[in-house]
Protein backbone atom coordinates (compact mmCIF):
# COMPACT_ATOMS: atom_id res chain seq x y z
CA MET A 1 20.14 -3.30 18.08
CA LYS A 2 22.28 -0.25 16.73
CA THR A 3 22.74 3.20 19.36
CA ASP A 4 25.26 4.94 17.45
CA THR A 5 24.33 8.84 16.40
CA ILE A 6 22.50 8.53 13.13
CA ALA A 7 21.87 11.46 10.46
CA ALA A 8 20.71 12.33 7.29
CA ILE A 9 18.06 15.11 5.33
CA ALA A 10 14.81 14.59 5.64
CA THR A 11 13.18 16.49 2.66
CA SER A 12 13.25 16.24 -0.82
CA MET A 13 16.81 16.46 -2.38
CA THR A 14 14.99 19.56 -4.90
CA ASN A 15 16.20 23.52 -4.60
CA SER A 16 12.82 24.03 -1.97
CA GLY A 17 12.23 27.19 1.09
CA ILE A 18 13.22 24.84 3.59
CA GLY A 19 15.51 21.25 4.14
CA ILE A 20 15.91 19.65 7.18
CA VAL A 21 18.73 17.71 8.27
CA ARG A 22 17.77 14.69 10.95
CA ILE A 23 20.41 14.27 13.47
CA SER A 24 19.49 10.93 15.82
CA GLY A 25 21.12 9.05 18.78
CA GLU A 26 22.38 9.39 22.01
CA GLU A 27 25.28 11.80 20.51
CA ALA A 28 22.69 13.91 18.90
CA VAL A 29 23.09 16.88 21.37
CA LYS A 30 26.17 17.56 21.35
CA ALA A 31 26.43 16.63 17.88
CA ALA A 32 24.37 19.79 16.99
CA GLU A 33 26.36 21.67 19.21
CA LYS A 34 29.55 21.51 17.84
CA VAL A 35 27.63 22.34 14.66
CA VAL A 36 25.54 25.04 15.96
CA GLN A 37 25.60 27.75 17.17
CA LEU A 38 22.81 29.40 18.81
CA LYS A 39 21.67 32.86 19.75
CA GLU A 40 23.51 34.39 22.73
CA ASN A 41 25.73 32.13 22.74
CA LYS A 42 22.83 29.15 24.60
CA LYS A 43 23.64 25.46 25.06
CA LEU A 44 21.11 23.07 23.13
CA SER A 45 22.06 20.68 25.61
CA ASP A 46 20.58 23.29 28.75
CA CYS A 47 17.51 24.08 26.75
CA PRO A 48 14.12 21.99 27.26
CA SER A 49 12.98 19.26 25.17
CA HIS A 50 10.46 20.24 22.14
CA THR A 51 11.92 24.25 21.62
CA ILE A 52 12.77 25.70 18.95
CA HIS A 53 15.73 28.04 18.62
CA TYR A 54 17.58 30.13 16.38
CA GLY A 55 21.36 30.35 14.75
CA PHE A 56 24.07 29.81 12.34
CA VAL A 57 25.28 26.50 11.25
CA LYS A 58 29.28 27.07 11.06
CA ASP A 59 32.39 25.43 9.62
CA GLU A 60 35.28 26.22 12.16
CA ASP A 61 34.49 30.05 11.47
CA LYS A 62 32.99 29.70 8.62
CA ILE A 63 29.23 30.82 8.44
CA VAL A 64 27.14 28.10 6.48
CA ASP A 65 24.14 28.90 7.00
CA GLU A 66 20.97 30.50 8.98
CA VAL A 67 18.91 28.19 10.50
CA MET A 68 16.68 26.69 13.30
CA VAL A 69 17.16 24.14 15.89
CA LEU A 70 14.30 21.40 17.26
CA LEU A 71 15.33 19.79 19.78
CA MET A 72 13.40 16.85 21.42
CA LYS A 73 14.89 15.02 24.32
CA ALA A 74 14.34 10.79 24.83
CA PRO A 75 12.11 9.12 24.69
CA ARG A 76 9.73 12.06 23.82
CA SER A 77 10.88 12.07 19.95
CA TYR A 78 9.99 9.61 16.78
CA THR A 79 12.87 7.70 17.76
CA ARG A 80 12.51 7.42 21.34
CA GLU A 81 15.98 8.86 21.02
CA ASP A 82 17.24 12.48 21.19
CA THR A 83 16.82 13.33 17.91
CA VAL A 84 17.79 17.27 16.46
CA GLU A 85 16.54 18.69 13.16
CA ILE A 86 18.28 21.97 11.59
CA ASP A 87 15.69 23.98 9.63
CA CYS A 88 18.06 25.26 6.58
CA HIS A 89 17.70 26.48 3.67
CA GLY A 90 16.38 23.91 0.95
CA GLY A 91 19.00 24.74 -1.62
CA ILE A 92 20.73 21.09 -2.76
CA LEU A 93 24.34 22.28 -1.75
CA VAL A 94 23.74 23.87 1.97
CA MET A 95 21.33 20.78 2.44
CA ASN A 96 24.62 18.82 1.68
CA GLN A 97 27.27 21.33 3.42
CA ILE A 98 25.49 20.96 7.15
CA LEU A 99 24.81 17.32 7.14
CA ASP A 100 28.46 16.83 5.66
CA ILE A 101 29.80 18.98 8.88
CA VAL A 102 27.75 16.70 10.97
CA LEU A 103 29.04 13.57 9.64
CA LYS A 104 32.50 14.95 10.53
CA ASN A 105 31.30 15.05 14.22
CA GLY A 106 30.74 11.25 15.28
CA VAL A 107 27.50 11.04 13.59
CA ARG A 108 27.60 8.16 10.28
CA PRO A 109 24.89 8.65 7.69
CA ALA A 110 21.70 6.59 8.00
CA GLU A 111 20.54 4.38 6.20
CA PRO A 112 17.07 3.99 4.69
CA GLY A 113 14.75 4.03 6.55
CA GLU A 114 16.64 3.81 9.81
CA PHE A 115 14.76 6.66 11.78
CA THR A 116 11.20 4.47 11.48
CA LYS A 117 13.06 1.17 12.37
CA ARG A 118 14.45 3.20 15.30
CA ALA A 119 10.94 3.83 16.35
CA PHE A 120 9.60 -0.13 16.11
CA LEU A 121 13.03 -1.07 17.79
CA ASN A 122 12.95 1.72 20.67
CA GLY A 123 8.62 0.22 20.85
CA ARG A 124 7.35 3.17 19.77
CA ILE A 125 5.51 1.75 16.56
CA ASP A 126 4.78 -2.10 16.30
CA LEU A 127 5.58 -3.55 12.59
CA ALA A 128 2.18 -2.66 11.16
CA GLN A 129 2.31 1.12 12.00
CA ALA A 130 6.00 1.03 11.19
CA GLU A 131 4.72 -0.43 7.04
CA SER A 132 2.04 2.33 6.65
CA VAL A 133 4.38 5.33 7.28
CA ILE A 134 5.71 4.40 3.87
CA ASP A 135 2.64 3.56 2.47
CA VAL A 136 1.74 7.21 3.71
CA ILE A 137 4.22 8.48 1.82
CA ASN A 138 3.46 6.51 -1.78
CA ALA A 139 -0.21 6.67 -1.24
CA LYS A 140 -1.60 7.40 -4.65
CA ASN A 141 -5.29 8.63 -3.71
CA ASP A 142 -7.32 9.60 -1.41
CA PHE A 143 -8.46 6.38 0.02
CA ALA A 144 -4.69 5.09 0.38
CA LEU A 145 -3.89 7.90 2.34
CA LYS A 146 -7.10 7.65 4.61
CA ALA A 147 -5.90 3.69 5.05
CA SER A 148 -2.74 4.54 5.49
CA MET A 149 -3.61 6.95 8.22
CA ASN A 150 -5.49 4.50 9.81
CA GLN A 151 -3.28 1.59 10.07
CA LEU A 152 -0.48 4.42 11.38
CA SER A 153 -3.01 5.28 14.16
CA GLY A 154 -2.99 1.40 15.28
CA SER A 155 -6.75 0.25 13.39
CA VAL A 156 -5.24 -2.88 12.67
CA SER A 157 -2.88 -3.03 15.22
CA ALA A 158 -5.77 -2.28 17.59
CA VAL A 159 -7.62 -5.41 16.01
CA ILE A 160 -4.47 -8.46 15.39
CA LYS A 161 -3.83 -7.52 19.56
CA LYS A 162 -7.38 -8.53 20.63
CA ILE A 163 -7.00 -11.41 18.55
CA ARG A 164 -3.98 -12.61 19.95
CA ALA A 165 -5.21 -11.41 23.19
CA ASP A 166 -7.90 -14.47 23.06
CA ILE A 167 -5.96 -16.77 21.77
CA LEU A 168 -3.28 -16.67 24.34
CA HIS A 169 -5.80 -16.43 27.10
CA GLU A 170 -7.18 -19.72 25.40
CA ILE A 171 -3.76 -21.38 25.14
CA ALA A 172 -2.66 -20.40 29.14
CA PHE A 173 -5.54 -21.71 29.96
CA ILE A 174 -5.26 -25.21 28.20
CA GLU A 175 -1.71 -25.06 30.08
CA SER A 176 -3.17 -24.21 33.27
CA ALA A 177 -6.11 -27.26 33.17
CA ILE A 178 -2.79 -29.32 32.66
CA ASP A 179 -0.99 -28.60 35.06
CA ASP A 180 -3.02 -28.40 37.54
CA PRO A 181 -6.16 -30.13 36.95
CA GLU A 182 -7.38 -29.51 40.65
CA HIS A 183 -8.09 -26.00 40.13
CA TYR A 184 -8.84 -25.46 36.44
CA GLN A 185 -11.55 -27.83 34.85
CA LEU A 186 -11.13 -29.39 30.92
CA LEU A 187 -14.42 -30.90 30.58
CA ASP A 188 -16.73 -29.75 28.26
CA TYR A 189 -14.09 -27.26 27.22
CA GLY A 190 -13.72 -28.41 23.50
CA GLU A 191 -18.02 -27.27 23.33
CA ALA A 192 -16.63 -23.85 24.46
CA LEU A 193 -13.37 -23.20 22.50
CA LEU A 194 -15.51 -24.21 19.78
CA ASP A 195 -17.19 -21.24 19.84
CA LYS A 196 -14.38 -18.39 20.50
CA VAL A 197 -12.62 -20.24 17.68
CA ASN A 198 -15.54 -19.34 15.75
CA GLN A 199 -15.79 -16.15 16.51
CA LEU A 200 -12.02 -15.72 15.80
CA LEU A 201 -12.63 -17.17 12.32
CA ASN A 202 -15.27 -14.52 11.68
CA GLU A 203 -13.12 -11.67 12.88
CA ILE A 204 -9.96 -13.20 10.34
CA LEU A 205 -12.18 -13.43 7.55
CA THR A 206 -13.70 -10.02 7.94
CA LEU A 207 -10.57 -8.36 7.46
CA LEU A 208 -9.24 -10.72 4.87
CA LYS A 209 -12.55 -10.18 3.26
CA ASN A 210 -11.33 -6.19 3.07
CA ALA A 211 -8.11 -7.35 2.01
CA ASP A 212 -8.61 -7.20 -2.24
CA ASN A 213 -10.49 -3.45 -1.44
CA GLY A 214 -7.94 -2.35 0.36
CA ARG A 215 -4.70 -3.64 -2.13
CA ILE A 216 -7.26 -1.67 -4.56
CA LEU A 217 -7.94 1.33 -2.29
CA LYS A 218 -4.10 1.45 -1.76
CA GLU A 219 -2.66 0.03 -5.08
CA GLY A 220 -5.84 1.68 -7.62
CA ILE A 221 -7.46 -0.99 -9.80
CA HIS A 222 -5.64 -2.65 -12.63
CA THR A 223 -7.32 -1.87 -15.99
CA VAL A 224 -6.65 -3.51 -19.00
CA ILE A 225 -8.70 -1.55 -22.40
CA VAL A 226 -9.00 -4.37 -25.32
CA GLY A 227 -10.48 -4.57 -28.18
CA LYS A 228 -10.16 -5.24 -31.80
CA PRO A 229 -7.81 -2.48 -34.13
CA ASN A 230 -9.32 0.86 -34.66
CA SER A 231 -12.11 0.09 -32.35
CA GLY A 232 -10.93 3.81 -30.27
CA LYS A 233 -9.39 2.42 -27.49
CA SER A 234 -6.21 4.80 -27.41
CA SER A 235 -8.69 7.76 -27.91
CA LEU A 236 -10.32 6.28 -24.40
CA LEU A 237 -7.43 6.24 -23.05
CA ASN A 238 -6.92 9.96 -24.11
CA LEU A 239 -9.71 11.13 -22.47
CA LEU A 240 -9.25 9.54 -19.54
CA VAL A 241 -5.89 10.56 -19.41
CA GLY A 242 -6.99 14.13 -20.11
CA LYS A 243 -4.25 14.77 -23.16
CA GLU A 244 -2.60 13.15 -26.23
CA ARG A 245 -1.30 10.11 -24.61
CA ALA A 246 -1.49 7.62 -27.21
CA ILE A 247 -0.65 7.64 -30.90
CA VAL A 248 -4.46 7.83 -32.33
CA THR A 249 -5.02 7.69 -36.07
CA ASP A 250 -7.30 5.70 -39.11
CA ILE A 251 -5.13 3.52 -39.66
CA ALA A 252 -5.69 -0.38 -37.73
CA GLY A 253 -2.87 -1.51 -35.24
CA THR A 254 -1.15 2.30 -34.39
CA THR A 255 -0.78 0.75 -31.37
CA ARG A 256 1.84 -2.27 -31.16
CA ASP A 257 3.09 -2.45 -27.66
CA ALA A 258 1.10 -1.20 -24.53
CA ILE A 259 0.65 2.17 -23.14
CA GLU A 260 0.74 2.50 -19.39
CA GLU A 261 -0.86 5.67 -17.14
CA GLN A 262 -2.33 5.75 -13.78
CA ILE A 263 -5.38 7.95 -13.70
CA ARG A 264 -7.33 9.51 -10.51
CA LEU A 265 -10.99 8.77 -11.36
CA ASN A 266 -13.30 10.28 -8.02
CA GLY A 267 -10.34 9.44 -5.72
CA ILE A 268 -9.30 6.00 -6.86
CA SER A 269 -6.93 5.01 -9.39
CA LEU A 270 -6.81 3.31 -12.10
CA ASN A 271 -3.78 1.55 -13.65
CA VAL A 272 -4.66 1.22 -17.05
CA ILE A 273 -2.76 -0.19 -19.50
CA ASP A 274 -3.79 0.77 -23.80
CA THR A 275 -3.43 -2.73 -25.28
CA ALA A 276 -2.32 -3.89 -29.06
CA GLY A 277 -5.28 -4.57 -30.94
CA ILE A 278 -6.02 -7.95 -31.00
CA HIS A 279 -6.80 -9.73 -34.00
CA ASN A 280 -5.19 -12.36 -36.39
CA THR A 281 -1.94 -10.81 -37.53
CA ASP A 282 0.77 -12.18 -39.32
CA ASP A 283 3.28 -8.90 -38.82
CA VAL A 284 5.89 -10.41 -35.87
CA VAL A 285 6.44 -7.16 -34.15
CA GLU A 286 2.34 -6.64 -33.69
CA LYS A 287 1.67 -10.29 -32.95
CA ILE A 288 3.82 -10.26 -29.62
CA GLY A 289 1.47 -6.90 -29.12
CA VAL A 290 -1.26 -8.90 -28.75
CA ASP A 291 0.10 -12.23 -27.07
CA LYS A 292 1.13 -9.49 -24.94
CA SER A 293 -2.73 -7.90 -24.48
CA LYS A 294 -4.02 -11.41 -23.50
CA LYS A 295 -1.39 -11.38 -20.52
CA TYR A 296 -2.94 -8.55 -19.36
CA ILE A 297 -6.17 -9.72 -19.42
CA GLU A 298 -5.34 -12.73 -16.94
CA ASP A 299 -3.65 -10.68 -14.23
CA CYS A 300 -5.86 -7.32 -14.01
CA ASP A 301 -9.06 -6.56 -11.60
CA LEU A 302 -11.04 -5.23 -14.89
CA VAL A 303 -11.83 -5.54 -18.41
CA ILE A 304 -13.11 -2.44 -20.48
CA TYR A 305 -13.43 -3.85 -23.65
CA VAL A 306 -14.01 -1.41 -26.43
CA VAL A 307 -16.15 -2.13 -29.07
CA ASP A 308 -16.55 -0.14 -32.85
CA ALA A 309 -20.37 -0.36 -32.64
CA SER A 310 -20.17 1.24 -36.46
CA LEU A 311 -18.86 -2.51 -37.59
CA PRO A 312 -20.79 -5.75 -37.47
CA LEU A 313 -19.28 -8.31 -34.62
CA ASP A 314 -16.97 -10.49 -36.52
CA SER A 315 -14.67 -13.33 -35.54
CA ASP A 316 -11.93 -11.28 -33.44
CA ASP A 317 -15.04 -9.90 -31.60
CA MET A 318 -15.78 -13.59 -30.35
CA LYS A 319 -12.20 -14.04 -29.24
CA ILE A 320 -11.99 -11.65 -27.52
CA ILE A 321 -15.42 -12.07 -25.63
CA GLU A 322 -13.90 -15.46 -24.69
CA MET A 323 -11.16 -14.51 -23.30
CA ILE A 324 -12.40 -12.62 -20.96
CA LYS A 325 -15.68 -13.74 -20.11
CA ASN A 326 -14.32 -15.30 -16.78
CA ARG A 327 -13.10 -11.35 -15.75
CA ASN A 328 -14.79 -8.42 -14.06
CA VAL A 329 -15.44 -6.64 -17.82
CA ILE A 330 -17.29 -3.15 -19.11
CA VAL A 331 -18.54 -3.15 -22.21
CA LEU A 332 -18.15 0.46 -23.96
CA LEU A 333 -20.06 0.41 -27.45
CA ASN A 334 -17.96 3.34 -29.11
CA LYS A 335 -18.49 5.76 -31.80
CA SER A 336 -21.99 6.16 -30.61
CA ASP A 337 -22.27 9.21 -32.35
CA LEU A 338 -22.06 6.63 -35.77
CA ASN A 339 -24.59 4.71 -37.39
CA GLN A 340 -24.73 1.41 -34.78
CA LYS A 341 -24.36 -1.49 -36.54
CA VAL A 342 -23.97 -3.46 -33.04
CA SER A 343 -26.95 -3.29 -30.15
CA GLU A 344 -26.57 -4.58 -26.57
CA ASP A 345 -29.04 -7.05 -27.04
CA GLU A 346 -26.05 -9.32 -29.28
CA ILE A 347 -23.58 -7.82 -26.97
CA HIS A 348 -25.65 -9.71 -24.11
CA ARG A 349 -26.62 -12.88 -26.15
CA HIS A 350 -23.11 -13.75 -26.38
CA LEU A 351 -21.39 -11.77 -23.06
CA GLN A 352 -23.38 -10.92 -19.71
CA LYS A 353 -21.68 -8.24 -18.73
CA GLU A 354 -22.14 -4.06 -18.12
CA ILE A 355 -23.01 -2.29 -21.64
CA LEU A 356 -22.56 1.36 -22.34
CA SER A 357 -22.83 3.42 -25.45
CA ILE A 358 -19.98 5.51 -25.88
CA SER A 359 -18.16 8.04 -27.97
CA ALA A 360 -14.36 8.34 -27.36
CA LYS A 361 -14.11 10.96 -29.81
CA TYR A 362 -16.53 13.59 -28.05
CA GLY A 363 -16.22 12.26 -24.81
CA ASN A 364 -19.91 11.39 -23.94
CA GLY A 365 -20.84 8.37 -22.01
CA VAL A 366 -17.06 8.98 -19.42
CA ASN A 367 -18.99 10.20 -16.21
CA ASP A 368 -20.94 7.27 -16.13
CA LEU A 369 -18.38 5.28 -17.71
CA GLU A 370 -16.90 6.10 -13.20
CA ARG A 371 -19.71 6.05 -11.93
CA MET A 372 -20.47 2.22 -13.58
CA ILE A 373 -16.59 1.54 -12.40
CA GLU A 374 -17.89 2.48 -8.69
CA GLN A 375 -20.43 0.66 -8.42
CA MET A 376 -18.80 -2.74 -9.69
CA PHE A 377 -16.10 -2.48 -7.12
CA PHE A 378 -17.27 -0.57 -4.53
CA HIS A 379 -21.16 -0.88 -4.60
CA GLY A 380 -21.42 3.05 -5.52
CA LYS A 381 -19.48 4.49 -2.07
CA ILE A 382 -16.22 4.86 -2.64
CA ARG A 383 -16.20 6.40 0.73
CA MET A 384 -14.06 5.16 3.74
CA ASN A 385 -15.61 4.35 6.59
CA ASP A 386 -14.57 3.29 10.29
CA GLU A 387 -13.90 -0.64 8.81
CA VAL A 388 -10.10 -1.80 8.91
CA TYR A 389 -8.53 -2.87 5.93
CA ILE A 390 -5.54 -4.88 4.97
CA THR A 391 -3.94 -3.22 2.50
CA ASN A 392 -0.49 -5.58 2.89
CA THR A 393 0.33 -8.08 1.18
CA ARG A 394 2.77 -9.36 3.81
CA HIS A 395 -0.32 -8.81 6.87
CA LYS A 396 -3.00 -10.97 3.91
CA ALA A 397 -0.76 -13.73 4.00
CA SER A 398 0.12 -13.94 7.39
CA LEU A 399 -3.82 -13.63 8.52
CA GLN A 400 -4.28 -16.65 6.27
CA GLU A 401 -1.68 -19.01 8.18
CA ALA A 402 -3.80 -17.89 11.26
CA LYS A 403 -7.04 -18.86 9.92
CA LYS A 404 -5.42 -22.58 8.62
CA SER A 405 -4.23 -23.09 12.24
CA LEU A 406 -7.17 -21.83 13.56
CA LEU A 407 -9.06 -24.61 11.02
CA LEU A 408 -6.96 -26.56 12.31
CA VAL A 409 -7.92 -26.30 15.79
CA LYS A 410 -11.89 -26.69 15.53
CA LYS A 411 -11.20 -30.22 13.75
CA SER A 412 -8.74 -31.14 16.38
CA ILE A 413 -12.11 -30.23 18.67
CA GLU A 414 -14.38 -32.07 15.90
CA ASP A 415 -12.38 -35.49 15.88
CA GLY A 416 -12.32 -35.34 19.69
CA LEU A 417 -8.29 -35.25 20.11
CA PRO A 418 -6.36 -34.62 22.74
CA GLU A 419 -6.34 -30.54 23.98
CA ASP A 420 -2.80 -30.22 23.83
CA PHE A 421 -3.35 -30.73 20.07
CA TYR A 422 -4.98 -27.63 20.63
CA SER A 423 -2.35 -26.13 21.93
CA ILE A 424 0.29 -26.57 19.42
CA ASP A 425 -1.91 -24.67 17.01
CA LEU A 426 -3.54 -22.22 18.95
CA MET A 427 0.05 -21.30 19.52
CA ASN A 428 0.69 -21.19 15.53
CA SER A 429 -2.01 -18.91 14.87
CA TYR A 430 -0.20 -16.81 17.62
CA GLU A 431 2.96 -16.88 16.49
CA GLU A 432 1.54 -15.76 12.70
CA LEU A 433 -0.42 -12.30 13.72
CA GLY A 434 2.60 -11.57 16.02
CA LYS A 435 4.36 -11.44 12.47
CA ILE A 436 2.26 -8.69 11.51
CA LEU A 437 2.89 -6.43 14.47
CA GLY A 438 6.38 -7.35 14.64
CA GLU A 439 6.34 -9.44 17.59
CA SER A 440 7.59 -12.79 15.77
CA VAL A 441 9.26 -11.36 13.18
CA GLU A 442 13.35 -12.52 11.68
CA ASP A 443 15.97 -9.67 11.74
CA ASP A 444 15.63 -10.56 8.28
CA LEU A 445 12.21 -9.61 6.92
CA VAL A 446 12.17 -6.45 9.26
CA ASN A 447 15.91 -4.82 7.59
CA GLU A 448 14.38 -5.62 4.21
CA ILE A 449 10.98 -3.98 4.68
CA PHE A 450 13.30 -0.79 5.50
CA ARG A 451 15.27 -0.63 2.59
CA LYS A 452 12.13 0.16 0.73
CA PHE A 453 11.81 3.46 2.95
CA CYS A 454 13.39 6.63 1.49
CA MET A 455 15.97 8.15 2.64
CA GLY A 456 15.63 10.19 6.18
CA LYS A 457 12.73 8.39 7.44
């Protein structure tokens, strides 16, 4: 592990009221003393930890800025190293000047995520908690933020640690019984282990069951608006966004490529794509847009199918219905302000999905659409509770591998195989769960995870 001293600007690189230059490592306090002259010539190294001091950043005899200096001595800091934060004025120029002065005094620039990486390597947080830090920063809605904060506080880690402890107990018992059969008996042990394995499988399955909800809470519902040309798709997008995001005309085929927008809807996020109208066409460019629309349908969480209810269904509608029949779908009978040619009963004969009459032009029915989406994905309750949500795809993959190993243990018990077979798969499950916490993970993966972090964090 690197133990040298690092520094970076920890606040956004835009002009603001306050900027922070963060220093961490064995020489952090000495480096800060060379840069900052405290009031009454106090020495920072003589000051107690977790104190704030007033002074000036100086470059030789030139005063660069008036600052406050926050001192946190090891191990009571974010990185468990000596850490100094220089709170300066938030101009880009002054922050860069202060950082440059710090770097001239035996300090190197921090890599992206290196402060959090050191917190992980120094044992202050595990890898699941470290990953939740960037999730907090990137949270797109209230629920993503709450889920990330729960993980940062150790909610996921606590559950994983308990499961691993239970698995380790069984491994230790088997190994002890094999090495010391006089004191540890394996008679009828398989039956007891089977009960424990079923319990562990249920705990893992509960976490996996919440993984899809966790992804939606974190990333938003991937939503595709489809329909024939001029059915009102772009009007609906503009209505949901609250501004003229898509061009709306009476000319069919105005939208030739997908338009993407993120919408916050009652606390959750919708990643909405307004696609080109799906219909038979000889226009080469329009056909490319139609083909892309079909691909978006395959990859989305939700399809909003906009039907121009003022016109009868035709062959293009039938093709769209065939494409979406196995997806999560809400059918919107648009243009309810006009004479209706398509009824809910007619749609139901072809597509047994949720149906709602709206007028995208006048905004009628949008609140009902919001409630319908809540009901479809969260049973009408988009509220964080005490459940542990898996929001990280890496964690989900490790849980799935741990489940496979436990299923192999179960099969070995049912097939009457020797106990040492149980240990092999129990250990595999234990190690897979350890990858979530960072207890059995390769350096390359750790480096890849922290490269995604912003500078100064």
